[in-house]
Amino acid sequence: MRDLMHAIAKHNHHAPLEELASEVMERIQISLHHIHLQKLQAAELIEYDTDRQLVEPAEMIDEIHPTLAAILDADPALDSLRRQ
């Protein structure tokens, strides 16, 4: 989950991680843990091991990959997400 938090912080705040306040990272972590990861897991897009703080794509992610790729291709503002 740490890598995911760092990617979100970097994308949303456009600043090096070292410059972000610990409160920002804490808000991202809380939001991921209590909202976003639970929703993605409920949709069977990820597998989330809360004990190990491990997030992995579920098998279903392969089914929606073409749709996600099309969305990223259609919006140049999302190009930075493709590289993460």
N, C-alpha and C. Protein backbone atom coordinates (compact mmCIF):
# COMPACT_ATOMS: atom_id res chain seq x y z
N MET A 1 0.82 -1.18 0.00
CA MET A 1 0.00 0.00 0.00
C MET A 1 0.87 1.26 0.00
N ARG A 2 2.07 1.16 0.51
CA ARG A 2 2.96 2.32 0.56
C ARG A 2 3.24 2.86 -0.84
N ASP A 3 3.51 1.96 -1.79
CA ASP A 3 3.79 2.39 -3.16
C ASP A 3 2.58 3.10 -3.76
N LEU A 4 1.39 2.58 -3.49
CA LEU A 4 0.17 3.19 -3.98
C LEU A 4 -0.02 4.58 -3.38
N MET A 5 0.21 4.71 -2.08
CA MET A 5 0.10 6.02 -1.42
C MET A 5 1.06 7.02 -2.04
N HIS A 6 2.28 6.59 -2.28
CA HIS A 6 3.28 7.49 -2.86
C HIS A 6 2.89 7.93 -4.27
N ALA A 7 2.37 6.99 -5.07
CA ALA A 7 1.96 7.33 -6.43
C ALA A 7 0.81 8.34 -6.41
N ILE A 8 -0.14 8.15 -5.51
CA ILE A 8 -1.27 9.07 -5.40
C ILE A 8 -0.79 10.45 -4.94
N ALA A 9 0.07 10.47 -3.95
CA ALA A 9 0.59 11.75 -3.44
C ALA A 9 1.34 12.50 -4.54
N LYS A 10 2.16 11.79 -5.26
CA LYS A 10 2.95 12.41 -6.33
C LYS A 10 2.04 12.96 -7.43
N HIS A 11 1.02 12.19 -7.81
CA HIS A 11 0.12 12.61 -8.88
C HIS A 11 -0.78 13.76 -8.44
N ASN A 12 -1.34 13.68 -7.26
CA ASN A 12 -2.31 14.68 -6.81
C ASN A 12 -1.67 15.98 -6.34
N HIS A 13 -0.47 15.91 -5.80
CA HIS A 13 0.11 17.10 -5.18
C HIS A 13 1.28 17.69 -5.97
N HIS A 14 1.72 17.01 -7.00
CA HIS A 14 2.77 17.53 -7.89
C HIS A 14 3.98 18.06 -7.12
N ALA A 15 4.39 17.31 -6.11
CA ALA A 15 5.53 17.71 -5.30
C ALA A 15 6.28 16.46 -4.87
N PRO A 16 7.58 16.61 -4.63
CA PRO A 16 8.34 15.46 -4.11
C PRO A 16 7.77 15.01 -2.77
N LEU A 17 7.81 13.72 -2.53
CA LEU A 17 7.25 13.17 -1.29
C LEU A 17 7.86 13.81 -0.06
N GLU A 18 9.13 14.16 -0.14
CA GLU A 18 9.82 14.74 1.01
C GLU A 18 9.23 16.09 1.41
N GLU A 19 8.57 16.76 0.45
CA GLU A 19 8.02 18.09 0.72
C GLU A 19 6.58 18.04 1.24
N LEU A 20 5.97 16.87 1.20
CA LEU A 20 4.58 16.76 1.64
C LEU A 20 4.51 16.57 3.15
N ALA A 21 3.56 17.20 3.77
CA ALA A 21 3.38 17.07 5.21
C ALA A 21 2.91 15.66 5.54
N SER A 22 3.28 15.20 6.71
CA SER A 22 2.87 13.86 7.13
C SER A 22 1.35 13.75 7.20
N GLU A 23 0.66 14.86 7.44
CA GLU A 23 -0.79 14.85 7.49
C GLU A 23 -1.39 14.52 6.13
N VAL A 24 -0.73 14.96 5.06
CA VAL A 24 -1.21 14.66 3.71
C VAL A 24 -1.12 13.15 3.47
N MET A 25 0.00 12.57 3.81
CA MET A 25 0.18 11.13 3.62
C MET A 25 -0.81 10.35 4.49
N GLU A 26 -1.06 10.84 5.69
CA GLU A 26 -2.00 10.17 6.58
C GLU A 26 -3.41 10.22 6.01
N ARG A 27 -3.81 11.36 5.45
CA ARG A 27 -5.14 11.47 4.84
C ARG A 27 -5.28 10.52 3.66
N ILE A 28 -4.22 10.41 2.86
CA ILE A 28 -4.26 9.49 1.72
C ILE A 28 -4.41 8.05 2.22
N GLN A 29 -3.63 7.70 3.22
CA GLN A 29 -3.69 6.34 3.75
C GLN A 29 -5.08 6.02 4.32
N ILE A 30 -5.63 6.93 5.08
CA ILE A 30 -6.94 6.71 5.68
C ILE A 30 -8.01 6.59 4.60
N SER A 31 -7.94 7.46 3.61
CA SER A 31 -8.90 7.43 2.51
C SER A 31 -8.81 6.12 1.74
N LEU A 32 -7.60 5.68 1.45
CA LEU A 32 -7.43 4.40 0.76
C LEU A 32 -8.00 3.26 1.60
N HIS A 33 -7.61 3.19 2.84
CA HIS A 33 -7.98 2.07 3.71
C HIS A 33 -9.48 2.00 3.98
N HIS A 34 -10.10 3.14 4.25
CA HIS A 34 -11.49 3.14 4.67
C HIS A 34 -12.50 3.32 3.54
N ILE A 35 -12.05 3.79 2.39
CA ILE A 35 -13.00 4.06 1.31
C ILE A 35 -12.63 3.33 0.02
N HIS A 36 -11.56 3.79 -0.62
CA HIS A 36 -11.27 3.38 -1.98
C HIS A 36 -10.91 1.90 -2.12
N LEU A 37 -10.04 1.40 -1.27
CA LEU A 37 -9.64 0.00 -1.40
C LEU A 37 -10.80 -0.94 -1.11
N GLN A 38 -11.64 -0.58 -0.17
CA GLN A 38 -12.82 -1.40 0.12
C GLN A 38 -13.77 -1.45 -1.07
N LYS A 39 -13.96 -0.32 -1.72
CA LYS A 39 -14.83 -0.28 -2.89
C LYS A 39 -14.25 -1.09 -4.04
N LEU A 40 -12.95 -0.96 -4.28
CA LEU A 40 -12.31 -1.73 -5.35
C LEU A 40 -12.34 -3.22 -5.05
N GLN A 41 -12.18 -3.57 -3.78
CA GLN A 41 -12.25 -4.98 -3.40
C GLN A 41 -13.68 -5.51 -3.56
N ALA A 42 -14.66 -4.72 -3.16
CA ALA A 42 -16.06 -5.13 -3.31
C ALA A 42 -16.43 -5.33 -4.77
N ALA A 43 -15.83 -4.54 -5.65
CA ALA A 43 -16.06 -4.67 -7.09
C ALA A 43 -15.22 -5.78 -7.71
N GLU A 44 -14.44 -6.46 -6.88
CA GLU A 44 -13.57 -7.57 -7.29
C GLU A 44 -12.50 -7.14 -8.29
N LEU A 45 -12.02 -5.90 -8.15
CA LEU A 45 -10.96 -5.41 -9.02
C LEU A 45 -9.58 -5.57 -8.39
N ILE A 46 -9.55 -5.64 -7.06
CA ILE A 46 -8.29 -5.83 -6.35
C ILE A 46 -8.49 -6.86 -5.24
N GLU A 47 -7.37 -7.35 -4.76
CA GLU A 47 -7.34 -8.15 -3.54
C GLU A 47 -6.54 -7.34 -2.54
N TYR A 48 -7.11 -7.12 -1.36
CA TYR A 48 -6.48 -6.26 -0.36
C TYR A 48 -6.33 -7.03 0.93
N ASP A 49 -5.09 -7.27 1.32
CA ASP A 49 -4.77 -7.95 2.57
C ASP A 49 -4.48 -6.86 3.61
N THR A 50 -5.44 -6.60 4.48
CA THR A 50 -5.29 -5.51 5.44
C THR A 50 -4.19 -5.78 6.45
N ASP A 51 -4.00 -7.03 6.81
CA ASP A 51 -2.95 -7.36 7.78
C ASP A 51 -1.56 -7.06 7.24
N ARG A 52 -1.35 -7.40 5.98
CA ARG A 52 -0.03 -7.19 5.36
C ARG A 52 0.07 -5.87 4.61
N GLN A 53 -1.05 -5.13 4.53
CA GLN A 53 -1.10 -3.86 3.78
C GLN A 53 -0.69 -4.08 2.33
N LEU A 54 -1.18 -5.17 1.74
CA LEU A 54 -0.82 -5.57 0.39
C LEU A 54 -2.02 -5.43 -0.54
N VAL A 55 -1.82 -4.73 -1.65
CA VAL A 55 -2.86 -4.54 -2.66
C VAL A 55 -2.38 -5.17 -3.95
N GLU A 56 -3.21 -6.05 -4.51
CA GLU A 56 -2.86 -6.70 -5.77
C GLU A 56 -4.07 -6.68 -6.70
N PRO A 57 -3.83 -6.61 -8.01
CA PRO A 57 -4.97 -6.67 -8.93
C PRO A 57 -5.63 -8.05 -8.88
N ALA A 58 -6.94 -8.07 -8.98
CA ALA A 58 -7.68 -9.33 -9.03
C ALA A 58 -7.74 -9.81 -10.48
N GLU A 59 -8.20 -11.03 -10.66
CA GLU A 59 -8.28 -11.58 -12.02
C GLU A 59 -9.20 -10.75 -12.91
N MET A 60 -10.23 -10.17 -12.34
CA MET A 60 -11.20 -9.39 -13.12
C MET A 60 -10.57 -8.17 -13.78
N ILE A 61 -9.44 -7.72 -13.26
CA ILE A 61 -8.80 -6.51 -13.82
C ILE A 61 -8.46 -6.71 -15.30
N ASP A 62 -8.15 -7.94 -15.68
CA ASP A 62 -7.84 -8.22 -17.09
C ASP A 62 -9.05 -7.94 -17.99
N GLU A 63 -10.25 -8.17 -17.45
CA GLU A 63 -11.46 -7.95 -18.24
C GLU A 63 -11.71 -6.46 -18.51
N ILE A 64 -11.34 -5.61 -17.57
CA ILE A 64 -11.62 -4.18 -17.76
C ILE A 64 -10.41 -3.41 -18.27
N HIS A 65 -9.28 -4.08 -18.41
CA HIS A 65 -8.06 -3.40 -18.88
C HIS A 65 -8.28 -2.66 -20.19
N PRO A 66 -8.93 -3.26 -21.20
CA PRO A 66 -9.14 -2.51 -22.45
C PRO A 66 -9.94 -1.22 -22.25
N THR A 67 -10.92 -1.25 -21.37
CA THR A 67 -11.71 -0.05 -21.10
C THR A 67 -10.86 1.01 -20.40
N LEU A 68 -10.09 0.59 -19.41
CA LEU A 68 -9.20 1.54 -18.73
C LEU A 68 -8.19 2.14 -19.69
N ALA A 69 -7.63 1.31 -20.56
CA ALA A 69 -6.66 1.80 -21.54
C ALA A 69 -7.30 2.82 -22.48
N ALA A 70 -8.54 2.56 -22.88
CA ALA A 70 -9.24 3.49 -23.77
C ALA A 70 -9.48 4.83 -23.08
N ILE A 71 -9.82 4.79 -21.81
CA ILE A 71 -10.03 6.03 -21.05
C ILE A 71 -8.73 6.82 -20.96
N LEU A 72 -7.64 6.13 -20.65
CA LEU A 72 -6.34 6.81 -20.55
C LEU A 72 -5.91 7.37 -21.90
N ASP A 73 -6.18 6.64 -22.98
CA ASP A 73 -5.82 7.11 -24.31
C ASP A 73 -6.64 8.32 -24.73
N ALA A 74 -7.88 8.40 -24.27
CA ALA A 74 -8.78 9.47 -24.69
C ALA A 74 -8.53 10.79 -23.97
N ASP A 75 -7.88 10.75 -22.82
CA ASP A 75 -7.69 11.97 -22.03
C ASP A 75 -6.20 12.18 -21.76
N PRO A 76 -5.56 13.10 -22.49
CA PRO A 76 -4.13 13.35 -22.30
C PRO A 76 -3.77 13.76 -20.87
N ALA A 77 -4.71 14.34 -20.15
CA ALA A 77 -4.44 14.74 -18.76
C ALA A 77 -4.17 13.53 -17.87
N LEU A 78 -4.60 12.36 -18.28
CA LEU A 78 -4.40 11.14 -17.50
C LEU A 78 -3.14 10.39 -17.90
N ASP A 79 -2.36 10.93 -18.82
CA ASP A 79 -1.18 10.24 -19.32
C ASP A 79 -0.20 9.85 -18.22
N SER A 80 -0.06 10.67 -17.21
CA SER A 80 0.90 10.35 -16.14
C SER A 80 0.48 9.10 -15.38
N LEU A 81 -0.78 8.76 -15.36
CA LEU A 81 -1.25 7.56 -14.68
C LEU A 81 -0.78 6.29 -15.38
N ARG A 82 -0.65 6.36 -16.69
CA ARG A 82 -0.23 5.20 -17.47
C ARG A 82 1.20 4.77 -17.09
N ARG A 83 2.04 5.70 -16.71
CA ARG A 83 3.45 5.40 -16.42
C ARG A 83 3.65 4.88 -15.01
N GLN A 84 2.63 4.89 -14.17
CA GLN A 84 2.81 4.49 -12.77
C GLN A 84 2.52 3.03 -12.58
